[in-house]
Amino acid sequence: MAGSLNDKLAETFAAKWQAENHPHYSEMLDKFVFHMSDAAHDVRQLADALQNADVTDRGTMGKLLHQFFLHALPHLVSAGQLYDYVPDIFPEQRGVHEFPNSANHDVDK
């Protein structure tokens, strides 16, 4: 019988970090599982919409993207940073603030 999502996440985290004997291991494990499981619903919804883009209307796609970027992505980044190194690798990660002549050119960087 397959375990729950939280069990599988905990097992995966433990396989990577348990041997390190980190003094905050239990807290890190709990936070990793929380962040990953809290994002799961939004990830599933967006993945389904992306897989079925031909039948997903623009309004629904916009709502799902908004929810993903505001809720799921911060959780995923937090979980990723607990699990391993998460690099900043794309120049556009600063968003509209990095593009010249954008509507937000007065926003502090």
N, C-alpha and C. Protein backbone atom coordinates (compact mmCIF):
# COMPACT_ATOMS: atom_id res chain seq x y z
N MET A 1 0.85 -1.18 0.00
CA MET A 1 0.00 0.00 0.00
C MET A 1 0.89 1.25 0.00
N ALA A 2 0.56 2.19 -0.85
CA ALA A 2 1.34 3.41 -0.95
C ALA A 2 1.10 4.30 0.27
N GLY A 3 2.15 5.00 0.69
CA GLY A 3 2.02 5.91 1.81
C GLY A 3 1.40 7.23 1.38
N SER A 4 1.11 8.06 2.34
CA SER A 4 0.55 9.37 2.03
C SER A 4 1.62 10.27 1.42
N LEU A 5 1.17 11.36 0.85
CA LEU A 5 2.10 12.35 0.29
C LEU A 5 3.08 12.81 1.36
N ASN A 6 2.58 13.14 2.54
CA ASN A 6 3.46 13.61 3.61
C ASN A 6 4.49 12.55 4.00
N ASP A 7 4.06 11.28 4.05
CA ASP A 7 5.00 10.20 4.36
C ASP A 7 6.09 10.11 3.31
N LYS A 8 5.69 10.17 2.04
CA LYS A 8 6.66 10.05 0.94
C LYS A 8 7.62 11.24 0.96
N LEU A 9 7.12 12.44 1.22
CA LEU A 9 7.99 13.61 1.30
C LEU A 9 8.98 13.47 2.46
N ALA A 10 8.49 13.02 3.61
CA ALA A 10 9.36 12.85 4.78
C ALA A 10 10.43 11.80 4.50
N GLU A 11 10.06 10.71 3.85
CA GLU A 11 11.03 9.66 3.52
C GLU A 11 12.10 10.19 2.56
N THR A 12 11.67 10.97 1.60
CA THR A 12 12.60 11.52 0.61
C THR A 12 13.57 12.49 1.26
N PHE A 13 13.05 13.36 2.12
CA PHE A 13 13.91 14.31 2.83
C PHE A 13 14.88 13.56 3.74
N ALA A 14 14.37 12.56 4.45
CA ALA A 14 15.21 11.78 5.37
C ALA A 14 16.33 11.06 4.62
N ALA A 15 16.03 10.55 3.45
CA ALA A 15 17.05 9.84 2.67
C ALA A 15 18.20 10.76 2.31
N LYS A 16 17.91 12.04 2.15
CA LYS A 16 18.94 13.00 1.79
C LYS A 16 19.68 13.55 3.01
N TRP A 17 18.98 13.80 4.11
CA TRP A 17 19.57 14.58 5.21
C TRP A 17 19.70 13.89 6.55
N GLN A 18 19.06 12.79 6.78
CA GLN A 18 19.08 12.18 8.11
C GLN A 18 20.49 11.85 8.58
N ALA A 19 21.33 11.39 7.69
CA ALA A 19 22.70 11.02 8.07
C ALA A 19 23.56 12.22 8.45
N GLU A 20 23.14 13.42 8.11
CA GLU A 20 23.92 14.62 8.41
C GLU A 20 23.92 14.96 9.90
N ASN A 21 22.95 14.42 10.64
CA ASN A 21 22.87 14.68 12.07
C ASN A 21 22.81 16.17 12.39
N HIS A 22 22.02 16.90 11.63
CA HIS A 22 21.86 18.34 11.82
C HIS A 22 21.06 18.59 13.10
N PRO A 23 21.46 19.57 13.91
CA PRO A 23 20.76 19.80 15.18
C PRO A 23 19.30 20.24 15.01
N HIS A 24 18.94 20.75 13.84
CA HIS A 24 17.56 21.20 13.59
C HIS A 24 16.86 20.30 12.57
N TYR A 25 17.34 19.07 12.46
CA TYR A 25 16.80 18.15 11.45
C TYR A 25 15.28 18.01 11.54
N SER A 26 14.73 17.76 12.71
CA SER A 26 13.29 17.54 12.86
C SER A 26 12.49 18.75 12.42
N GLU A 27 12.95 19.93 12.80
CA GLU A 27 12.26 21.16 12.40
C GLU A 27 12.35 21.36 10.89
N MET A 28 13.53 21.10 10.32
CA MET A 28 13.70 21.23 8.87
C MET A 28 12.80 20.24 8.14
N LEU A 29 12.73 19.02 8.63
CA LEU A 29 11.88 18.00 8.02
C LEU A 29 10.42 18.43 8.05
N ASP A 30 9.94 18.87 9.21
CA ASP A 30 8.54 19.31 9.33
C ASP A 30 8.23 20.47 8.38
N LYS A 31 9.13 21.42 8.29
CA LYS A 31 8.90 22.58 7.42
C LYS A 31 8.94 22.17 5.95
N PHE A 32 9.85 21.28 5.58
CA PHE A 32 9.91 20.80 4.22
C PHE A 32 8.59 20.14 3.82
N VAL A 33 8.12 19.22 4.65
CA VAL A 33 6.87 18.51 4.37
C VAL A 33 5.71 19.50 4.30
N PHE A 34 5.64 20.44 5.23
CA PHE A 34 4.58 21.44 5.21
C PHE A 34 4.58 22.23 3.91
N HIS A 35 5.73 22.79 3.55
CA HIS A 35 5.78 23.63 2.35
C HIS A 35 5.44 22.84 1.09
N MET A 36 5.96 21.63 0.96
CA MET A 36 5.66 20.84 -0.23
C MET A 36 4.19 20.44 -0.29
N SER A 37 3.65 19.99 0.83
CA SER A 37 2.26 19.53 0.81
C SER A 37 1.29 20.71 0.68
N ASP A 38 1.65 21.87 1.22
CA ASP A 38 0.77 23.03 1.10
C ASP A 38 0.69 23.52 -0.35
N ALA A 39 1.73 23.32 -1.12
CA ALA A 39 1.76 23.76 -2.52
C ALA A 39 1.13 22.72 -3.45
N ALA A 40 0.97 21.50 -3.01
CA ALA A 40 0.58 20.40 -3.90
C ALA A 40 -0.71 20.65 -4.66
N HIS A 41 -1.73 21.16 -4.01
CA HIS A 41 -3.02 21.38 -4.66
C HIS A 41 -2.88 22.38 -5.81
N ASP A 42 -2.19 23.49 -5.55
CA ASP A 42 -2.01 24.50 -6.60
C ASP A 42 -1.17 23.96 -7.75
N VAL A 43 -0.16 23.17 -7.43
CA VAL A 43 0.68 22.58 -8.47
C VAL A 43 -0.15 21.64 -9.33
N ARG A 44 -0.97 20.81 -8.69
CA ARG A 44 -1.82 19.88 -9.44
C ARG A 44 -2.80 20.62 -10.35
N GLN A 45 -3.43 21.66 -9.81
CA GLN A 45 -4.40 22.41 -10.61
C GLN A 45 -3.74 23.07 -11.81
N LEU A 46 -2.59 23.70 -11.61
CA LEU A 46 -1.91 24.34 -12.73
C LEU A 46 -1.42 23.30 -13.73
N ALA A 47 -0.87 22.21 -13.25
CA ALA A 47 -0.39 21.15 -14.15
C ALA A 47 -1.54 20.63 -15.01
N ASP A 48 -2.70 20.43 -14.41
CA ASP A 48 -3.86 19.96 -15.16
C ASP A 48 -4.26 20.98 -16.22
N ALA A 49 -4.28 22.25 -15.86
CA ALA A 49 -4.64 23.30 -16.83
C ALA A 49 -3.62 23.38 -17.96
N LEU A 50 -2.35 23.22 -17.64
CA LEU A 50 -1.31 23.26 -18.67
C LEU A 50 -1.41 22.04 -19.59
N GLN A 51 -1.73 20.89 -19.03
CA GLN A 51 -1.89 19.68 -19.84
C GLN A 51 -3.12 19.76 -20.73
N ASN A 52 -4.08 20.56 -20.31
CA ASN A 52 -5.34 20.69 -21.06
C ASN A 52 -5.56 22.14 -21.50
N ALA A 53 -4.50 22.77 -21.94
CA ALA A 53 -4.56 24.19 -22.30
C ALA A 53 -5.60 24.47 -23.37
N ASP A 54 -5.85 23.52 -24.24
CA ASP A 54 -6.82 23.73 -25.31
C ASP A 54 -8.25 23.88 -24.80
N VAL A 55 -8.53 23.41 -23.59
CA VAL A 55 -9.88 23.54 -23.03
C VAL A 55 -9.91 24.42 -21.78
N THR A 56 -8.79 25.01 -21.42
CA THR A 56 -8.73 25.90 -20.26
C THR A 56 -8.87 27.33 -20.75
N ASP A 57 -9.90 28.03 -20.29
CA ASP A 57 -10.10 29.40 -20.77
C ASP A 57 -9.08 30.34 -20.13
N ARG A 58 -8.91 31.48 -20.75
CA ARG A 58 -7.89 32.45 -20.33
C ARG A 58 -8.11 32.93 -18.89
N GLY A 59 -9.35 33.15 -18.51
CA GLY A 59 -9.64 33.60 -17.15
C GLY A 59 -9.23 32.57 -16.10
N THR A 60 -9.55 31.32 -16.37
CA THR A 60 -9.18 30.24 -15.45
C THR A 60 -7.66 30.10 -15.39
N MET A 61 -7.02 30.15 -16.55
CA MET A 61 -5.56 30.04 -16.57
C MET A 61 -4.93 31.18 -15.78
N GLY A 62 -5.45 32.38 -15.95
CA GLY A 62 -4.93 33.53 -15.21
C GLY A 62 -5.07 33.36 -13.70
N LYS A 63 -6.22 32.89 -13.26
CA LYS A 63 -6.45 32.66 -11.83
C LYS A 63 -5.50 31.59 -11.28
N LEU A 64 -5.31 30.52 -12.05
CA LEU A 64 -4.43 29.44 -11.60
C LEU A 64 -2.97 29.90 -11.55
N LEU A 65 -2.56 30.68 -12.55
CA LEU A 65 -1.20 31.22 -12.53
C LEU A 65 -1.00 32.16 -11.35
N HIS A 66 -1.98 33.02 -11.12
CA HIS A 66 -1.92 33.95 -9.99
C HIS A 66 -1.77 33.19 -8.68
N GLN A 67 -2.61 32.17 -8.48
CA GLN A 67 -2.56 31.37 -7.25
C GLN A 67 -1.22 30.64 -7.13
N PHE A 68 -0.74 30.09 -8.24
CA PHE A 68 0.53 29.38 -8.22
C PHE A 68 1.67 30.30 -7.83
N PHE A 69 1.76 31.47 -8.48
CA PHE A 69 2.88 32.37 -8.21
C PHE A 69 2.81 33.01 -6.83
N LEU A 70 1.61 33.29 -6.35
CA LEU A 70 1.50 33.94 -5.04
C LEU A 70 1.52 32.95 -3.87
N HIS A 71 1.06 31.75 -4.09
CA HIS A 71 0.97 30.80 -2.98
C HIS A 71 1.95 29.63 -3.11
N ALA A 72 1.86 28.90 -4.22
CA ALA A 72 2.65 27.68 -4.35
C ALA A 72 4.14 27.96 -4.51
N LEU A 73 4.48 28.89 -5.37
CA LEU A 73 5.90 29.12 -5.65
C LEU A 73 6.71 29.50 -4.41
N PRO A 74 6.24 30.42 -3.57
CA PRO A 74 7.02 30.69 -2.35
C PRO A 74 7.20 29.45 -1.47
N HIS A 75 6.16 28.60 -1.40
CA HIS A 75 6.29 27.36 -0.64
C HIS A 75 7.32 26.44 -1.28
N LEU A 76 7.30 26.34 -2.61
CA LEU A 76 8.25 25.47 -3.30
C LEU A 76 9.68 25.96 -3.16
N VAL A 77 9.87 27.27 -3.23
CA VAL A 77 11.22 27.81 -3.05
C VAL A 77 11.71 27.53 -1.62
N SER A 78 10.84 27.74 -0.64
CA SER A 78 11.22 27.45 0.75
C SER A 78 11.58 25.98 0.92
N ALA A 79 10.75 25.11 0.38
CA ALA A 79 11.03 23.67 0.47
C ALA A 79 12.33 23.34 -0.26
N GLY A 80 12.52 23.93 -1.41
CA GLY A 80 13.74 23.68 -2.18
C GLY A 80 14.98 24.10 -1.43
N GLN A 81 14.90 25.23 -0.75
CA GLN A 81 16.06 25.71 0.01
C GLN A 81 16.32 24.85 1.24
N LEU A 82 15.31 24.22 1.77
CA LEU A 82 15.51 23.27 2.87
C LEU A 82 16.10 21.97 2.35
N TYR A 83 15.69 21.59 1.16
CA TYR A 83 16.13 20.32 0.58
C TYR A 83 17.52 20.39 -0.02
N ASP A 84 17.83 21.52 -0.64
CA ASP A 84 19.10 21.65 -1.34
C ASP A 84 19.28 23.12 -1.72
N TYR A 85 20.26 23.37 -2.56
CA TYR A 85 20.54 24.72 -3.05
C TYR A 85 19.58 25.05 -4.20
N VAL A 86 18.97 26.24 -4.15
CA VAL A 86 18.09 26.71 -5.22
C VAL A 86 18.75 27.94 -5.84
N PRO A 87 19.27 27.80 -7.05
CA PRO A 87 19.99 28.92 -7.67
C PRO A 87 19.06 29.97 -8.28
N ASP A 88 19.55 31.19 -8.36
CA ASP A 88 18.91 32.24 -9.14
C ASP A 88 19.64 32.22 -10.47
N ILE A 89 19.00 31.65 -11.50
CA ILE A 89 19.74 31.44 -12.74
C ILE A 89 19.22 32.21 -13.94
N PHE A 90 18.05 32.81 -13.84
CA PHE A 90 17.49 33.49 -14.99
C PHE A 90 17.51 35.00 -14.77
N PRO A 91 18.00 35.75 -15.74
CA PRO A 91 18.04 37.21 -15.57
C PRO A 91 16.65 37.81 -15.33
N GLU A 92 15.63 37.21 -15.91
CA GLU A 92 14.28 37.75 -15.78
C GLU A 92 13.64 37.46 -14.42
N GLN A 93 14.37 36.84 -13.51
CA GLN A 93 13.79 36.56 -12.19
C GLN A 93 13.42 37.83 -11.43
N ARG A 94 13.96 38.95 -11.84
CA ARG A 94 13.57 40.21 -11.21
C ARG A 94 12.25 40.73 -11.76
N GLY A 95 11.71 40.07 -12.76
CA GLY A 95 10.40 40.41 -13.31
C GLY A 95 10.39 41.72 -14.07
N VAL A 96 9.25 42.36 -14.07
CA VAL A 96 9.08 43.58 -14.85
C VAL A 96 10.01 44.68 -14.39
N HIS A 97 10.53 44.57 -13.19
CA HIS A 97 11.41 45.60 -12.64
C HIS A 97 12.74 45.67 -13.37
N GLU A 98 13.12 44.62 -14.07
CA GLU A 98 14.40 44.58 -14.78
C GLU A 98 14.29 45.02 -16.23
N PHE A 99 13.08 45.07 -16.76
CA PHE A 99 12.93 45.42 -18.16
C PHE A 99 12.89 46.94 -18.31
N PRO A 100 13.73 47.49 -19.20
CA PRO A 100 13.74 48.95 -19.40
C PRO A 100 12.40 49.42 -19.96
N ASN A 101 12.07 50.64 -19.59
CA ASN A 101 10.84 51.28 -20.06
C ASN A 101 9.57 50.56 -19.65
N SER A 102 9.62 49.82 -18.56
CA SER A 102 8.41 49.15 -18.09
C SER A 102 7.57 50.12 -17.31
N ALA A 103 6.32 49.76 -17.09
CA ALA A 103 5.41 50.60 -16.34
C ALA A 103 5.87 50.77 -14.90
N ASN A 104 6.71 49.87 -14.42
CA ASN A 104 7.16 49.90 -13.04
C ASN A 104 8.60 50.41 -12.91
N HIS A 105 9.03 51.26 -13.81
CA HIS A 105 10.42 51.69 -13.80
C HIS A 105 10.80 52.50 -12.58
N ASP A 106 9.82 53.01 -11.85
CA ASP A 106 10.12 53.79 -10.65
C ASP A 106 10.20 52.92 -9.39
N VAL A 107 9.94 51.64 -9.50
CA VAL A 107 9.96 50.74 -8.36
C VAL A 107 11.40 50.51 -7.94
N ASP A 108 11.66 50.61 -6.64
CA ASP A 108 13.01 50.35 -6.13
C ASP A 108 13.38 48.89 -6.37
N LYS A 109 14.62 48.69 -6.77
CA LYS A 109 15.09 47.32 -7.03
C LYS A 109 15.76 46.76 -5.82
